[in-house]
């Protein structure tokens, strides 16, 4: 199944799209929910692995949070 990404210009437009999707009975997942789900999945996969030190974890989190996020805007 294909997905679309919508970047509303303001809160009112976001609410419009959410209401439209609800009325059409379309599944909605925000980018924040998707990121949370992915993080939880990775955490569960690695829950029983060997231990590592705090600095390595903090460095990894810092790198993830500071990565350049891809632009979904059409550059044409």
Protein backbone atom coordinates (compact mmCIF):
# COMPACT_ATOMS: atom_id res chain seq x y z
CA UNK A 1 0.00 0.00 0.00
CA UNK A 2 1.25 3.46 -0.82
CA UNK A 3 1.35 6.30 1.68
CA UNK A 4 1.33 10.06 1.44
CA UNK A 5 2.93 12.72 3.59
CA UNK A 6 1.10 16.00 4.12
CA UNK A 7 2.72 19.08 5.63
CA UNK A 8 -0.12 21.34 6.77
CA UNK A 9 0.63 25.04 6.92
CA UNK A 10 -1.06 25.51 10.31
CA UNK A 11 -3.05 23.81 13.06
CA UNK A 12 -6.39 24.49 11.36
CA UNK A 13 -5.26 22.78 8.17
CA UNK A 14 -3.91 19.83 10.18
CA UNK A 15 -7.28 19.47 11.91
CA UNK A 16 -9.03 19.61 8.52
CA UNK A 17 -6.94 16.73 7.16
CA UNK A 18 -7.38 14.71 10.35
CA UNK A 19 -11.15 15.17 10.24
CA UNK A 20 -11.25 14.28 6.54
CA UNK A 21 -9.23 11.11 7.12
CA UNK A 22 -11.50 10.12 10.01
CA UNK A 23 -14.61 10.63 7.91
CA UNK A 24 -13.11 8.56 5.09
CA UNK A 25 -12.12 5.88 7.63
CA UNK A 26 -8.47 6.16 6.58
CA UNK A 27 -5.70 5.06 8.93
CA UNK A 28 -3.73 8.03 10.27
CA UNK A 29 -0.21 7.92 11.68
CA UNK A 30 1.72 11.06 12.52
CA UNK A 31 5.46 11.22 11.96
CA UNK A 32 5.92 11.44 15.74
CA UNK A 33 3.91 8.24 16.27
CA UNK A 34 5.89 6.49 13.54
CA UNK A 35 9.19 7.52 15.13
CA UNK A 36 7.99 6.38 18.55
CA UNK A 37 6.92 3.01 17.13
CA UNK A 38 10.27 2.54 15.41
CA UNK A 39 12.18 3.45 18.57
CA UNK A 40 10.11 1.02 20.63
CA UNK A 41 10.70 -1.74 18.06
CA UNK A 42 14.47 -1.18 18.16
CA UNK A 43 14.45 -1.06 21.95
CA UNK A 44 12.53 -4.34 22.17
CA UNK A 45 14.86 -6.01 19.65
CA UNK A 46 17.90 -4.98 21.67
CA UNK A 47 16.49 -5.47 25.16
CA UNK A 48 18.32 -8.75 25.75
CA UNK A 49 21.63 -7.84 24.15
CA UNK A 50 24.83 -7.22 26.05
CA UNK A 51 25.28 -4.07 28.07
CA UNK A 52 27.09 -0.99 26.83
CA UNK A 53 28.32 2.11 28.55
CA UNK A 54 26.28 5.27 29.02
CA UNK A 55 28.57 7.43 26.84
CA UNK A 56 28.09 5.17 23.79
CA UNK A 57 24.30 5.36 24.17
CA UNK A 58 24.28 9.13 24.63
CA UNK A 59 26.57 9.59 21.61
CA UNK A 60 24.26 7.45 19.47
CA UNK A 61 21.17 9.35 20.59
CA UNK A 62 22.91 12.66 19.97
CA UNK A 63 23.83 11.56 16.43
CA UNK A 64 20.27 10.40 15.69
CA UNK A 65 18.72 13.63 16.94
CA UNK A 66 21.12 15.79 14.94
CA UNK A 67 20.82 13.94 11.62
CA UNK A 68 19.57 15.97 8.69
CA UNK A 69 15.97 15.00 8.08
CA UNK A 70 15.01 14.35 4.45
CA UNK A 71 12.87 16.96 2.77
CA UNK A 72 9.62 15.65 1.32
CA UNK A 73 8.96 18.82 -0.64
CA UNK A 74 8.84 18.57 -4.38
CA UNK A 75 11.90 20.45 -5.65
CA UNK A 76 10.55 20.88 -9.23
